[in-house]
Amino acid sequence: MNQEVENINPYGTAEAKHAQVRVMFDSIAPAYDVMNRMMTFGVDRRWRRKAVAGVAGASPRKVLDIATGTGDLAMALARALPEADITGVDLSEGMLELGRAKVERAGMAGRVTFSVADALALPFDDNSFDAVTVAYGVRNFEHLDRGYAEMLRVLRPGGMLCVLELSVPSSALVKPFYAAYTGAIIPLVGRMVSRDARAYSYLPRSIRAVPAREAMTDLMAAAGFTGCRWRSLTMGVCTMYTALKPD
């Protein structure tokens, strides 16, 4: 299944997926935060709080937030972990520009830093971070197995991985409403707000294709993580995954 999501691209061109993802997020960056609030009715904030609570329980001092976007999760981690240094990386410079402005306004510029980087080739030494987080980003990876291998590499032994990812609900009662909402309403609103119709048509396609629940934890375990677990949030429309790097 992971091969399926890797073959789903935002624009359907011959360019590599990571190049298309970069162009897409540069395009929708100005509307990204607004669309997140609208699409989830603000529940994305609750999902981030769940992830932050899980990570904060491990008391990490150095955290890497991959696919950080405009920095919402990185900033939430900084608030919950006042002694920690937070590093955010993303393919899109357009998203990071907005994130840097938000960090500056929040007075976090000394503790939260952003840089452009590819999740499949992270520019960090082995065993560099106590925790790694990814929010709504792994389905955009060109190769999920390589992404998880890189996360494992940069984590210190005993370090924690926390992934939030959108998912299709498992409930037969919820699925029809979810399909109608993600398949018709989100692309329509995305086209009006972001002016990039293909970006918000790619979103539901990538959610349907990305491995979820046991399939995702199987990928994490295959990469070398231990204690891989998943937890459904909001009737399964989002799933939180946690794992550890073996000591």
C-alpha atoms as a PDB file:
ATOM      1  CA  MET A   1       0.000   0.000   0.000  1.00  0.00           C
ATOM      2  CA  ASN A   2       2.859   2.390   0.676  1.00  0.00           C
ATOM      3  CA  GLN A   3       3.880   2.079  -2.975  1.00  0.00           C
ATOM      4  CA  GLU A   4       0.379   3.254  -3.916  1.00  0.00           C
ATOM      5  CA  VAL A   5       0.598   6.515  -1.966  1.00  0.00           C
ATOM      6  CA  GLU A   6       4.116   7.124  -3.246  1.00  0.00           C
ATOM      7  CA  ASN A   7       2.762   7.087  -6.787  1.00  0.00           C
ATOM      8  CA  ILE A   8       0.056   9.685  -6.070  1.00  0.00           C
ATOM      9  CA  ASN A   9       1.373  13.117  -7.015  1.00  0.00           C
ATOM     10  CA  PRO A  10      -0.195  16.575  -6.666  1.00  0.00           C
ATOM     11  CA  TYR A  11       0.050  17.553 -10.321  1.00  0.00           C
ATOM     12  CA  GLY A  12       0.405  14.258 -12.192  1.00  0.00           C
ATOM     13  CA  THR A  13       3.515  15.367 -14.088  1.00  0.00           C
ATOM     14  CA  ALA A  14       6.705  13.401 -14.755  1.00  0.00           C
ATOM     15  CA  GLU A  15       8.539  15.334 -12.027  1.00  0.00           C
ATOM     16  CA  ALA A  16       9.554  13.478  -8.884  1.00  0.00           C
ATOM     17  CA  LYS A  17       6.932  13.524  -6.138  1.00  0.00           C
ATOM     18  CA  HIS A  18       9.059  15.613  -3.748  1.00  0.00           C
ATOM     19  CA  ALA A  19       9.448  18.316  -6.411  1.00  0.00           C
ATOM     20  CA  GLN A  20       5.689  18.445  -6.990  1.00  0.00           C
ATOM     21  CA  VAL A  21       5.027  18.536  -3.239  1.00  0.00           C
ATOM     22  CA  ARG A  22       7.417  21.480  -2.868  1.00  0.00           C
ATOM     23  CA  VAL A  23       5.671  23.418  -5.651  1.00  0.00           C
ATOM     24  CA  MET A  24       2.247  22.600  -4.184  1.00  0.00           C
ATOM     25  CA  PHE A  25       3.068  23.850  -0.689  1.00  0.00           C
ATOM     26  CA  ASP A  26       4.799  26.968  -2.004  1.00  0.00           C
ATOM     27  CA  SER A  27       1.581  27.623  -3.952  1.00  0.00           C
ATOM     28  CA  ILE A  28      -0.865  27.121  -1.070  1.00  0.00           C
ATOM     29  CA  ALA A  29       1.315  28.520   1.743  1.00  0.00           C
ATOM     30  CA  PRO A  30      -0.647  31.800   2.163  1.00  0.00           C
ATOM     31  CA  ALA A  31      -3.919  29.869   2.589  1.00  0.00           C
ATOM     32  CA  TYR A  32      -2.551  26.853   4.460  1.00  0.00           C
ATOM     33  CA  ASP A  33      -3.361  27.794   8.059  1.00  0.00           C
ATOM     34  CA  VAL A  34      -6.826  29.081   7.162  1.00  0.00           C
ATOM     35  CA  MET A  35      -7.612  25.909   5.211  1.00  0.00           C
ATOM     36  CA  ASN A  36      -6.472  23.699   8.087  1.00  0.00           C
ATOM     37  CA  ARG A  37      -8.837  25.439  10.490  1.00  0.00           C
ATOM     38  CA  MET A  38     -11.719  25.325   7.983  1.00  0.00           C
ATOM     39  CA  MET A  39     -11.243  21.711   6.891  1.00  0.00           C
ATOM     40  CA  THR A  40     -11.037  20.327  10.425  1.00  0.00           C
ATOM     41  CA  PHE A  41     -13.370  22.849  12.098  1.00  0.00           C
ATOM     42  CA  GLY A  42     -10.434  23.660  14.376  1.00  0.00           C
ATOM     43  CA  VAL A  43     -10.054  20.081  15.649  1.00  0.00           C
ATOM     44  CA  ASP A  44      -6.490  19.980  14.277  1.00  0.00           C
ATOM     45  CA  ARG A  45      -5.482  21.994  17.343  1.00  0.00           C
ATOM     46  CA  ARG A  46      -6.772  19.190  19.595  1.00  0.00           C
ATOM     47  CA  TRP A  47      -4.843  16.600  17.583  1.00  0.00           C
ATOM     48  CA  ARG A  48      -1.647  18.584  17.990  1.00  0.00           C
ATOM     49  CA  ARG A  49      -2.251  18.855  21.736  1.00  0.00           C
ATOM     50  CA  LYS A  50      -2.466  15.048  21.921  1.00  0.00           C
ATOM     51  CA  ALA A  51       0.847  14.710  20.084  1.00  0.00           C
ATOM     52  CA  VAL A  52       2.524  17.380  22.209  1.00  0.00           C
ATOM     53  CA  ALA A  53       1.336  15.725  25.422  1.00  0.00           C
ATOM     54  CA  GLY A  54       2.760  12.401  24.294  1.00  0.00           C
ATOM     55  CA  VAL A  55       6.119  13.869  23.339  1.00  0.00           C
ATOM     56  CA  ALA A  56       6.357  16.107  26.418  1.00  0.00           C
ATOM     57  CA  GLY A  57       5.961  13.045  28.634  1.00  0.00           C
ATOM     58  CA  ALA A  58       9.389  11.883  27.417  1.00  0.00           C
ATOM     59  CA  SER A  59      11.003  15.241  28.405  1.00  0.00           C
ATOM     60  CA  PRO A  60      13.135  15.613  25.264  1.00  0.00           C
ATOM     61  CA  ARG A  61      15.751  18.386  25.082  1.00  0.00           C
ATOM     62  CA  LYS A  62      16.214  18.334  21.300  1.00  0.00           C
ATOM     63  CA  VAL A  63      13.231  17.789  18.997  1.00  0.00           C
ATOM     64  CA  LEU A  64      13.093  17.554  15.206  1.00  0.00           C
ATOM     65  CA  ASP A  65       9.751  18.404  13.571  1.00  0.00           C
ATOM     66  CA  ILE A  66       9.721  17.064  10.003  1.00  0.00           C
ATOM     67  CA  ALA A  67       7.332  18.531   7.406  1.00  0.00           C
ATOM     68  CA  THR A  68       6.920  21.391   9.867  1.00  0.00           C
ATOM     69  CA  GLY A  69       4.975  23.573   7.405  1.00  0.00           C
ATOM     70  CA  THR A  70       4.211  26.926   8.994  1.00  0.00           C
ATOM     71  CA  GLY A  71       5.431  25.684  12.369  1.00  0.00           C
ATOM     72  CA  ASP A  72       2.251  25.071  14.374  1.00  0.00           C
ATOM     73  CA  LEU A  73       3.473  21.809  15.929  1.00  0.00           C
ATOM     74  CA  ALA A  74       7.009  23.112  16.443  1.00  0.00           C
ATOM     75  CA  MET A  75       5.670  26.137  18.325  1.00  0.00           C
ATOM     76  CA  ALA A  76       3.289  24.012  20.404  1.00  0.00           C
ATOM     77  CA  LEU A  77       6.223  21.795  21.371  1.00  0.00           C
ATOM     78  CA  ALA A  78       8.267  24.859  22.335  1.00  0.00           C
ATOM     79  CA  ARG A  79       5.485  26.072  24.621  1.00  0.00           C
ATOM     80  CA  ALA A  80       5.175  22.684  26.322  1.00  0.00           C
ATOM     81  CA  LEU A  81       8.932  22.117  26.566  1.00  0.00           C
ATOM     82  CA  PRO A  82      10.459  25.464  27.622  1.00  0.00           C
ATOM     83  CA  GLU A  83      13.943  23.946  28.064  1.00  0.00           C
ATOM     84  CA  ALA A  84      14.005  22.211  24.677  1.00  0.00           C
ATOM     85  CA  ASP A  85      15.437  23.285  21.340  1.00  0.00           C
ATOM     86  CA  ILE A  86      13.040  22.677  18.440  1.00  0.00           C
ATOM     87  CA  THR A  87      14.260  22.270  14.857  1.00  0.00           C
ATOM     88  CA  GLY A  88      11.690  22.306  12.053  1.00  0.00           C
ATOM     89  CA  VAL A  89      12.420  21.198   8.488  1.00  0.00           C
ATOM     90  CA  ASP A  90      10.289  21.294   5.366  1.00  0.00           C
ATOM     91  CA  LEU A  91      10.647  21.072   1.590  1.00  0.00           C
ATOM     92  CA  SER A  92       8.800  24.367   1.072  1.00  0.00           C
ATOM     93  CA  GLU A  93      10.591  27.644   1.662  1.00  0.00           C
ATOM     94  CA  GLY A  94       7.240  29.403   1.200  1.00  0.00           C
ATOM     95  CA  MET A  95       5.791  27.572   4.209  1.00  0.00           C
ATOM     96  CA  LEU A  96       8.907  28.181   6.288  1.00  0.00           C
ATOM     97  CA  GLU A  97       8.832  31.936   5.606  1.00  0.00           C
ATOM     98  CA  LEU A  98       5.406  32.086   7.203  1.00  0.00           C
ATOM     99  CA  GLY A  99       6.601  29.894  10.067  1.00  0.00           C
ATOM    100  CA  ARG A 100       9.567  32.150  10.790  1.00  0.00           C
ATOM    101  CA  ALA A 101       7.267  35.175  10.963  1.00  0.00           C
ATOM    102  CA  LYS A 102       4.981  33.357  13.417  1.00  0.00           C
ATOM    103  CA  VAL A 103       7.929  32.320  15.581  1.00  0.00           C
ATOM    104  CA  GLU A 104       9.251  35.891  15.580  1.00  0.00           C
ATOM    105  CA  ARG A 105       5.867  37.279  16.668  1.00  0.00           C
ATOM    106  CA  ALA A 106       5.694  34.686  19.446  1.00  0.00           C
ATOM    107  CA  GLY A 107       9.154  35.553  20.757  1.00  0.00           C
ATOM    108  CA  MET A 108      10.476  32.045  20.083  1.00  0.00           C
ATOM    109  CA  ALA A 109      13.168  32.873  17.531  1.00  0.00           C
ATOM    110  CA  GLY A 110      15.959  31.704  19.820  1.00  0.00           C
ATOM    111  CA  ARG A 111      14.417  28.306  20.486  1.00  0.00           C
ATOM    112  CA  VAL A 112      12.627  27.324  17.288  1.00  0.00           C
ATOM    113  CA  THR A 113      14.661  27.238  14.079  1.00  0.00           C
ATOM    114  CA  PHE A 114      13.571  26.307  10.566  1.00  0.00           C
ATOM    115  CA  SER A 115      15.452  25.145   7.487  1.00  0.00           C
ATOM    116  CA  VAL A 116      14.714  23.583   4.109  1.00  0.00           C
ATOM    117  CA  ALA A 117      15.482  19.860   4.106  1.00  0.00           C
ATOM    118  CA  ASP A 118      14.335  16.641   2.487  1.00  0.00           C
ATOM    119  CA  ALA A 119      12.959  14.115   4.984  1.00  0.00           C
ATOM    120  CA  LEU A 120      14.590  11.334   2.959  1.00  0.00           C
ATOM    121  CA  ALA A 121      18.077  12.850   3.338  1.00  0.00           C
ATOM    122  CA  LEU A 122      18.153  14.753   6.616  1.00  0.00           C
ATOM    123  CA  PRO A 123      21.214  17.012   7.111  1.00  0.00           C
ATOM    124  CA  PHE A 124      21.836  15.854  10.688  1.00  0.00           C
ATOM    125  CA  ASP A 125      24.251  13.456  12.353  1.00  0.00           C
ATOM    126  CA  ASP A 126      23.198  10.083  13.683  1.00  0.00           C
ATOM    127  CA  ASN A 127      21.638  10.104  17.168  1.00  0.00           C
ATOM    128  CA  SER A 128      21.091  13.888  17.130  1.00  0.00           C
ATOM    129  CA  PHE A 129      17.560  14.206  18.578  1.00  0.00           C
ATOM    130  CA  ASP A 130      15.626  12.991  21.600  1.00  0.00           C
ATOM    131  CA  ALA A 131      12.309  13.075  19.723  1.00  0.00           C
ATOM    132  CA  VAL A 132      11.117  13.327  16.112  1.00  0.00           C
ATOM    133  CA  THR A 133       7.626  14.464  15.130  1.00  0.00           C
ATOM    134  CA  VAL A 134       5.720  14.603  11.838  1.00  0.00           C
ATOM    135  CA  ALA A 135       2.238  16.088  11.478  1.00  0.00           C
ATOM    136  CA  TYR A 136       0.264  15.320   8.317  1.00  0.00           C
ATOM    137  CA  GLY A 137       3.442  14.865   6.299  1.00  0.00           C
ATOM    138  CA  VAL A 138       4.367  11.214   5.813  1.00  0.00           C
ATOM    139  CA  ARG A 139       1.809  10.677   3.058  1.00  0.00           C
ATOM    140  CA  ASN A 140       3.764  13.259   1.032  1.00  0.00           C
ATOM    141  CA  PHE A 141       7.029  11.292   1.275  1.00  0.00           C
ATOM    142  CA  GLU A 142       8.342   9.922  -1.992  1.00  0.00           C
ATOM    143  CA  HIS A 143       9.460   6.768  -0.165  1.00  0.00           C
ATOM    144  CA  LEU A 144       7.921   6.020   3.221  1.00  0.00           C
ATOM    145  CA  ASP A 145      10.464   3.345   4.133  1.00  0.00           C
ATOM    146  CA  ARG A 146      13.382   5.715   3.515  1.00  0.00           C
ATOM    147  CA  GLY A 147      11.652   8.427   5.518  1.00  0.00           C
ATOM    148  CA  TYR A 148      11.262   6.158   8.530  1.00  0.00           C
ATOM    149  CA  ALA A 149      14.863   4.944   8.155  1.00  0.00           C
ATOM    150  CA  GLU A 150      16.072   8.558   8.293  1.00  0.00           C
ATOM    151  CA  MET A 151      13.965   9.297  11.370  1.00  0.00           C
ATOM    152  CA  LEU A 152      15.423   6.248  13.091  1.00  0.00           C
ATOM    153  CA  ARG A 153      18.961   7.300  12.142  1.00  0.00           C
ATOM    154  CA  VAL A 154      18.757  10.818  13.627  1.00  0.00           C
ATOM    155  CA  LEU A 155      17.026   9.683  16.831  1.00  0.00           C
ATOM    156  CA  ARG A 156      19.196   8.827  19.800  1.00  0.00           C
ATOM    157  CA  PRO A 157      18.768   5.318  21.278  1.00  0.00           C
ATOM    158  CA  GLY A 158      15.593   5.348  23.346  1.00  0.00           C
ATOM    159  CA  GLY A 159      14.302   8.415  21.487  1.00  0.00           C
ATOM    160  CA  MET A 160      10.622   8.814  20.607  1.00  0.00           C
ATOM    161  CA  LEU A 161       8.854   9.143  17.264  1.00  0.00           C
ATOM    162  CA  CYS A 162       5.367  10.684  17.092  1.00  0.00           C
ATOM    163  CA  VAL A 163       3.453  10.880  13.820  1.00  0.00           C
ATOM    164  CA  LEU A 164       0.053  12.465  13.219  1.00  0.00           C
ATOM    165  CA  GLU A 165      -1.548  11.519   9.921  1.00  0.00           C
ATOM    166  CA  LEU A 166      -4.981  11.921   8.398  1.00  0.00           C
ATOM    167  CA  SER A 167      -6.810   8.660   7.794  1.00  0.00           C
ATOM    168  CA  VAL A 168     -10.053   7.261   6.433  1.00  0.00           C
ATOM    169  CA  PRO A 169     -12.467   6.379   9.273  1.00  0.00           C
ATOM    170  CA  SER A 170     -13.042   2.673   9.795  1.00  0.00           C
ATOM    171  CA  SER A 171     -16.705   3.091  10.813  1.00  0.00           C
ATOM    172  CA  ALA A 172     -19.190   2.132   8.092  1.00  0.00           C
ATOM    173  CA  LEU A 173     -21.556   4.804   9.433  1.00  0.00           C
ATOM    174  CA  VAL A 174     -19.013   7.614   9.169  1.00  0.00           C
ATOM    175  CA  LYS A 175     -17.360   6.637   5.875  1.00  0.00           C
ATOM    176  CA  PRO A 176     -20.080   7.914   3.461  1.00  0.00           C
ATOM    177  CA  PHE A 177     -20.164  11.372   5.074  1.00  0.00           C
ATOM    178  CA  TYR A 178     -16.378  11.495   5.179  1.00  0.00           C
ATOM    179  CA  ALA A 179     -16.136  10.493   1.507  1.00  0.00           C
ATOM    180  CA  ALA A 180     -18.580  13.203   0.456  1.00  0.00           C
ATOM    181  CA  TYR A 181     -16.845  15.847   2.542  1.00  0.00           C
ATOM    182  CA  THR A 182     -13.292  15.066   1.459  1.00  0.00           C
ATOM    183  CA  GLY A 183     -14.170  14.197  -2.126  1.00  0.00           C
ATOM    184  CA  ALA A 184     -16.369  17.186  -2.976  1.00  0.00           C
ATOM    185  CA  ILE A 185     -16.471  19.922  -0.352  1.00  0.00           C
ATOM    186  CA  ILE A 186     -12.762  20.162   0.518  1.00  0.00           C
ATOM    187  CA  PRO A 187     -11.618  20.428  -3.138  1.00  0.00           C
ATOM    188  CA  LEU A 188     -14.288  23.072  -3.787  1.00  0.00           C
ATOM    189  CA  VAL A 189     -13.327  25.184  -0.765  1.00  0.00           C
ATOM    190  CA  GLY A 190      -9.642  24.645  -1.478  1.00  0.00           C
ATOM    191  CA  ARG A 191     -10.079  25.912  -5.018  1.00  0.00           C
ATOM    192  CA  MET A 192     -11.827  29.056  -3.783  1.00  0.00           C
ATOM    193  CA  VAL A 193      -9.459  29.818  -0.892  1.00  0.00           C
ATOM    194  CA  SER A 194      -6.069  28.699  -2.198  1.00  0.00           C
ATOM    195  CA  ARG A 195      -6.639  29.068  -5.965  1.00  0.00           C
ATOM    196  CA  ASP A 196      -4.928  25.680  -6.421  1.00  0.00           C
ATOM    197  CA  ALA A 197      -7.619  23.129  -7.217  1.00  0.00           C
ATOM    198  CA  ARG A 198      -5.208  20.238  -7.702  1.00  0.00           C
ATOM    199  CA  ALA A 199      -3.644  20.616  -4.254  1.00  0.00           C
ATOM    200  CA  TYR A 200      -6.928  19.948  -2.477  1.00  0.00           C
ATOM    201  CA  SER A 201      -7.900  17.174  -4.863  1.00  0.00           C
ATOM    202  CA  TYR A 202      -4.547  15.530  -4.087  1.00  0.00           C
ATOM    203  CA  LEU A 203      -5.303  15.716  -0.357  1.00  0.00           C
ATOM    204  CA  PRO A 204      -8.204  13.202  -0.227  1.00  0.00           C
ATOM    205  CA  ARG A 205      -6.488  10.910  -2.745  1.00  0.00           C
ATOM    206  CA  SER A 206      -3.344  10.788  -0.641  1.00  0.00           C
ATOM    207  CA  ILE A 207      -5.333  10.171   2.552  1.00  0.00           C
ATOM    208  CA  ARG A 208      -7.141   7.227   0.967  1.00  0.00           C
ATOM    209  CA  ALA A 209      -3.863   5.700  -0.206  1.00  0.00           C
ATOM    210  CA  VAL A 210      -1.571   6.209   2.781  1.00  0.00           C
ATOM    211  CA  PRO A 211      -1.083   3.179   5.058  1.00  0.00           C
ATOM    212  CA  ALA A 212      -3.130   3.493   8.236  1.00  0.00           C
ATOM    213  CA  ARG A 213      -3.271   1.928  11.671  1.00  0.00           C
ATOM    214  CA  GLU A 214      -1.639  -1.551  11.674  1.00  0.00           C
ATOM    215  CA  ALA A 215      -0.284  -1.060   8.150  1.00  0.00           C
ATOM    216  CA  MET A 216       1.534   2.083   9.258  1.00  0.00           C
ATOM    217  CA  THR A 217       2.919   0.570  12.467  1.00  0.00           C
ATOM    218  CA  ASP A 218       4.134  -2.400  10.393  1.00  0.00           C
ATOM    219  CA  LEU A 219       6.157   0.048   8.263  1.00  0.00           C
ATOM    220  CA  MET A 220       7.606   1.650  11.377  1.00  0.00           C
ATOM    221  CA  ALA A 221       8.568  -1.724  12.814  1.00  0.00           C
ATOM    222  CA  ALA A 222      10.134  -2.773   9.506  1.00  0.00           C
ATOM    223  CA  ALA A 223      12.328   0.354   9.659  1.00  0.00           C
ATOM    224  CA  GLY A 224      13.640  -0.764  13.059  1.00  0.00           C
ATOM    225  CA  PHE A 225      11.361   1.010  15.540  1.00  0.00           C
ATOM    226  CA  THR A 226      10.048  -0.773  18.598  1.00  0.00           C
ATOM    227  CA  GLY A 227       6.891  -0.332  20.675  1.00  0.00           C
ATOM    228  CA  CYS A 228       4.945   0.854  17.613  1.00  0.00           C
ATOM    229  CA  ARG A 229       1.406   1.898  18.527  1.00  0.00           C
ATOM    230  CA  TRP A 230      -1.496   3.766  16.976  1.00  0.00           C
ATOM    231  CA  ARG A 231      -4.443   5.673  18.412  1.00  0.00           C
ATOM    232  CA  SER A 232      -7.526   6.834  16.524  1.00  0.00           C
ATOM    233  CA  LEU A 233      -8.600  10.452  16.992  1.00  0.00           C
ATOM    234  CA  THR A 234     -12.012  11.991  16.161  1.00  0.00           C
ATOM    235  CA  MET A 235     -13.700   8.838  14.836  1.00  0.00           C
ATOM    236  CA  GLY A 236     -10.584   7.816  12.952  1.00  0.00           C
ATOM    237  CA  VAL A 237     -10.174  10.837  10.664  1.00  0.00           C
ATOM    238  CA  CYS A 238      -6.736  11.312  12.222  1.00  0.00           C
ATOM    239  CA  THR A 239      -4.404   8.711  13.689  1.00  0.00           C
ATOM    240  CA  MET A 240      -1.506   9.226  16.092  1.00  0.00           C
ATOM    241  CA  TYR A 241       1.421   6.826  15.868  1.00  0.00           C
ATOM    242  CA  THR A 242       4.205   6.477  18.445  1.00  0.00           C
ATOM    243  CA  ALA A 243       7.358   4.369  18.503  1.00  0.00           C
ATOM    244  CA  LEU A 244      10.814   4.225  20.068  1.00  0.00           C
ATOM    245  CA  LYS A 245      14.323   3.737  18.755  1.00  0.00           C
ATOM    246  CA  PRO A 246      15.783   0.660  20.447  1.00  0.00           C
ATOM    247  CA  ASP A 247      18.403   1.311  23.134  1.00  0.00           C
END
